[in-house]
């Protein structure tokens, strides 16, 4: 641990966010089903292929667990951790 860094229970919790490629997503909703925080939903806009892709509802609860990216058959999700 580096000098001057103090970890509290809140700061020890890893936070993250995801990006979803709207053009790669085919709206299968697998990521929606598997997200433990339920922060992925269906978009209200069609993509160029005519699908309703998934959308990330960033409310600060994403832990960066990457389950959504692992189950995505189109590899349309990228996960970032703070």
C-alpha atoms as a PDB file:
ATOM      1  CA  UNK A   1       0.000   0.000   0.000  1.00  0.00           C
ATOM      2  CA  UNK A   2       1.339   3.413  -0.888  1.00  0.00           C
ATOM      3  CA  UNK A   3       2.055   6.042   1.752  1.00  0.00           C
ATOM      4  CA  UNK A   4      -0.859   8.303   2.601  1.00  0.00           C
ATOM      5  CA  UNK A   5      -3.530   5.981   1.139  1.00  0.00           C
ATOM      6  CA  UNK A   6      -6.225   5.009   3.596  1.00  0.00           C
ATOM      7  CA  UNK A   7      -8.784   2.406   2.636  1.00  0.00           C
ATOM      8  CA  UNK A   8     -12.209   2.620   4.218  1.00  0.00           C
ATOM      9  CA  UNK A   9     -14.968   0.060   3.627  1.00  0.00           C
ATOM     10  CA  UNK A  10     -16.546   2.384   1.037  1.00  0.00           C
ATOM     11  CA  UNK A  11     -13.311   3.194  -0.799  1.00  0.00           C
ATOM     12  CA  UNK A  12     -12.297  -0.484  -0.845  1.00  0.00           C
ATOM     13  CA  UNK A  13     -15.364  -1.281  -2.973  1.00  0.00           C
ATOM     14  CA  UNK A  14     -14.328  -1.319  -6.619  1.00  0.00           C
ATOM     15  CA  UNK A  15     -16.474   0.886  -8.856  1.00  0.00           C
ATOM     16  CA  UNK A  16     -16.748   0.745 -12.589  1.00  0.00           C
ATOM     17  CA  UNK A  17     -18.742   1.493 -15.692  1.00  0.00           C
ATOM     18  CA  UNK A  18     -19.412  -0.116 -19.038  1.00  0.00           C
ATOM     19  CA  UNK A  19     -19.798   0.944 -22.635  1.00  0.00           C
ATOM     20  CA  UNK A  20     -22.099  -0.914 -25.001  1.00  0.00           C
ATOM     21  CA  UNK A  21     -21.504  -0.776 -28.742  1.00  0.00           C
ATOM     22  CA  UNK A  22     -24.955   0.104 -29.997  1.00  0.00           C
ATOM     23  CA  UNK A  23     -24.168  -1.172 -33.480  1.00  0.00           C
ATOM     24  CA  UNK A  24     -22.809  -4.567 -32.364  1.00  0.00           C
ATOM     25  CA  UNK A  25     -25.594  -5.249 -29.842  1.00  0.00           C
ATOM     26  CA  UNK A  26     -28.466  -7.363 -31.167  1.00  0.00           C
ATOM     27  CA  UNK A  27     -30.728  -6.839 -28.165  1.00  0.00           C
ATOM     28  CA  UNK A  28     -30.613 -10.412 -26.865  1.00  0.00           C
ATOM     29  CA  UNK A  29     -30.949  -9.111 -23.270  1.00  0.00           C
ATOM     30  CA  UNK A  30     -28.566 -11.699 -21.812  1.00  0.00           C
ATOM     31  CA  UNK A  31     -26.514  -8.938 -20.167  1.00  0.00           C
ATOM     32  CA  UNK A  32     -29.712  -7.481 -18.685  1.00  0.00           C
ATOM     33  CA  UNK A  33     -30.562 -10.840 -17.116  1.00  0.00           C
ATOM     34  CA  UNK A  34     -27.093 -11.420 -15.682  1.00  0.00           C
ATOM     35  CA  UNK A  35     -26.308  -7.953 -14.287  1.00  0.00           C
ATOM     36  CA  UNK A  36     -26.283  -8.343 -10.484  1.00  0.00           C
ATOM     37  CA  UNK A  37     -27.048  -4.635  -9.969  1.00  0.00           C
ATOM     38  CA  UNK A  38     -29.810  -4.524 -12.636  1.00  0.00           C
ATOM     39  CA  UNK A  39     -28.371  -1.370 -14.231  1.00  0.00           C
ATOM     40  CA  UNK A  40     -28.570  -2.501 -17.841  1.00  0.00           C
ATOM     41  CA  UNK A  41     -31.851  -2.115 -19.703  1.00  0.00           C
ATOM     42  CA  UNK A  42     -33.166  -2.079 -23.239  1.00  0.00           C
ATOM     43  CA  UNK A  43     -32.638   1.137 -25.179  1.00  0.00           C
ATOM     44  CA  UNK A  44     -35.624   2.986 -26.594  1.00  0.00           C
ATOM     45  CA  UNK A  45     -33.767   3.651 -29.880  1.00  0.00           C
ATOM     46  CA  UNK A  46     -33.204   1.216 -32.710  1.00  0.00           C
ATOM     47  CA  UNK A  47     -29.686   0.724 -34.069  1.00  0.00           C
ATOM     48  CA  UNK A  48     -28.856   0.644 -37.795  1.00  0.00           C
ATOM     49  CA  UNK A  49     -29.651  -3.077 -37.987  1.00  0.00           C
ATOM     50  CA  UNK A  50     -33.117  -2.551 -36.490  1.00  0.00           C
ATOM     51  CA  UNK A  51     -32.420  -3.960 -33.022  1.00  0.00           C
ATOM     52  CA  UNK A  52     -33.174  -2.357 -29.677  1.00  0.00           C
ATOM     53  CA  UNK A  53     -29.719  -2.566 -28.079  1.00  0.00           C
ATOM     54  CA  UNK A  54     -28.905  -2.653 -24.394  1.00  0.00           C
ATOM     55  CA  UNK A  55     -28.292   0.590 -22.522  1.00  0.00           C
ATOM     56  CA  UNK A  56     -26.216   1.267 -19.410  1.00  0.00           C
ATOM     57  CA  UNK A  57     -28.076   3.137 -16.681  1.00  0.00           C
ATOM     58  CA  UNK A  58     -25.141   4.698 -14.864  1.00  0.00           C
ATOM     59  CA  UNK A  59     -26.321   5.289 -11.321  1.00  0.00           C
ATOM     60  CA  UNK A  60     -22.946   4.738  -9.679  1.00  0.00           C
ATOM     61  CA  UNK A  61     -23.706   1.160  -8.596  1.00  0.00           C
ATOM     62  CA  UNK A  62     -21.672  -0.662 -11.256  1.00  0.00           C
ATOM     63  CA  UNK A  63     -18.916  -2.668  -9.589  1.00  0.00           C
ATOM     64  CA  UNK A  64     -17.057  -3.519 -12.785  1.00  0.00           C
ATOM     65  CA  UNK A  65     -17.679  -7.230 -12.242  1.00  0.00           C
ATOM     66  CA  UNK A  66     -17.607  -7.829 -16.042  1.00  0.00           C
ATOM     67  CA  UNK A  67     -20.312 -10.498 -15.998  1.00  0.00           C
ATOM     68  CA  UNK A  68     -22.169  -8.590 -18.717  1.00  0.00           C
ATOM     69  CA  UNK A  69     -19.121  -8.597 -20.988  1.00  0.00           C
ATOM     70  CA  UNK A  70     -18.454 -12.280 -20.376  1.00  0.00           C
ATOM     71  CA  UNK A  71     -21.978 -13.359 -21.349  1.00  0.00           C
ATOM     72  CA  UNK A  72     -22.351 -11.017 -24.352  1.00  0.00           C
ATOM     73  CA  UNK A  73     -22.346 -13.196 -27.506  1.00  0.00           C
ATOM     74  CA  UNK A  74     -21.580 -10.180 -29.718  1.00  0.00           C
ATOM     75  CA  UNK A  75     -18.639  -8.896 -27.615  1.00  0.00           C
ATOM     76  CA  UNK A  76     -20.393  -5.519 -27.562  1.00  0.00           C
ATOM     77  CA  UNK A  77     -19.581  -4.567 -23.948  1.00  0.00           C
ATOM     78  CA  UNK A  78     -16.386  -3.091 -22.545  1.00  0.00           C
ATOM     79  CA  UNK A  79     -15.859  -2.824 -18.796  1.00  0.00           C
ATOM     80  CA  UNK A  80     -13.835  -0.119 -17.060  1.00  0.00           C
ATOM     81  CA  UNK A  81     -12.886  -0.025 -13.382  1.00  0.00           C
ATOM     82  CA  UNK A  82     -12.060   3.070 -11.377  1.00  0.00           C
END
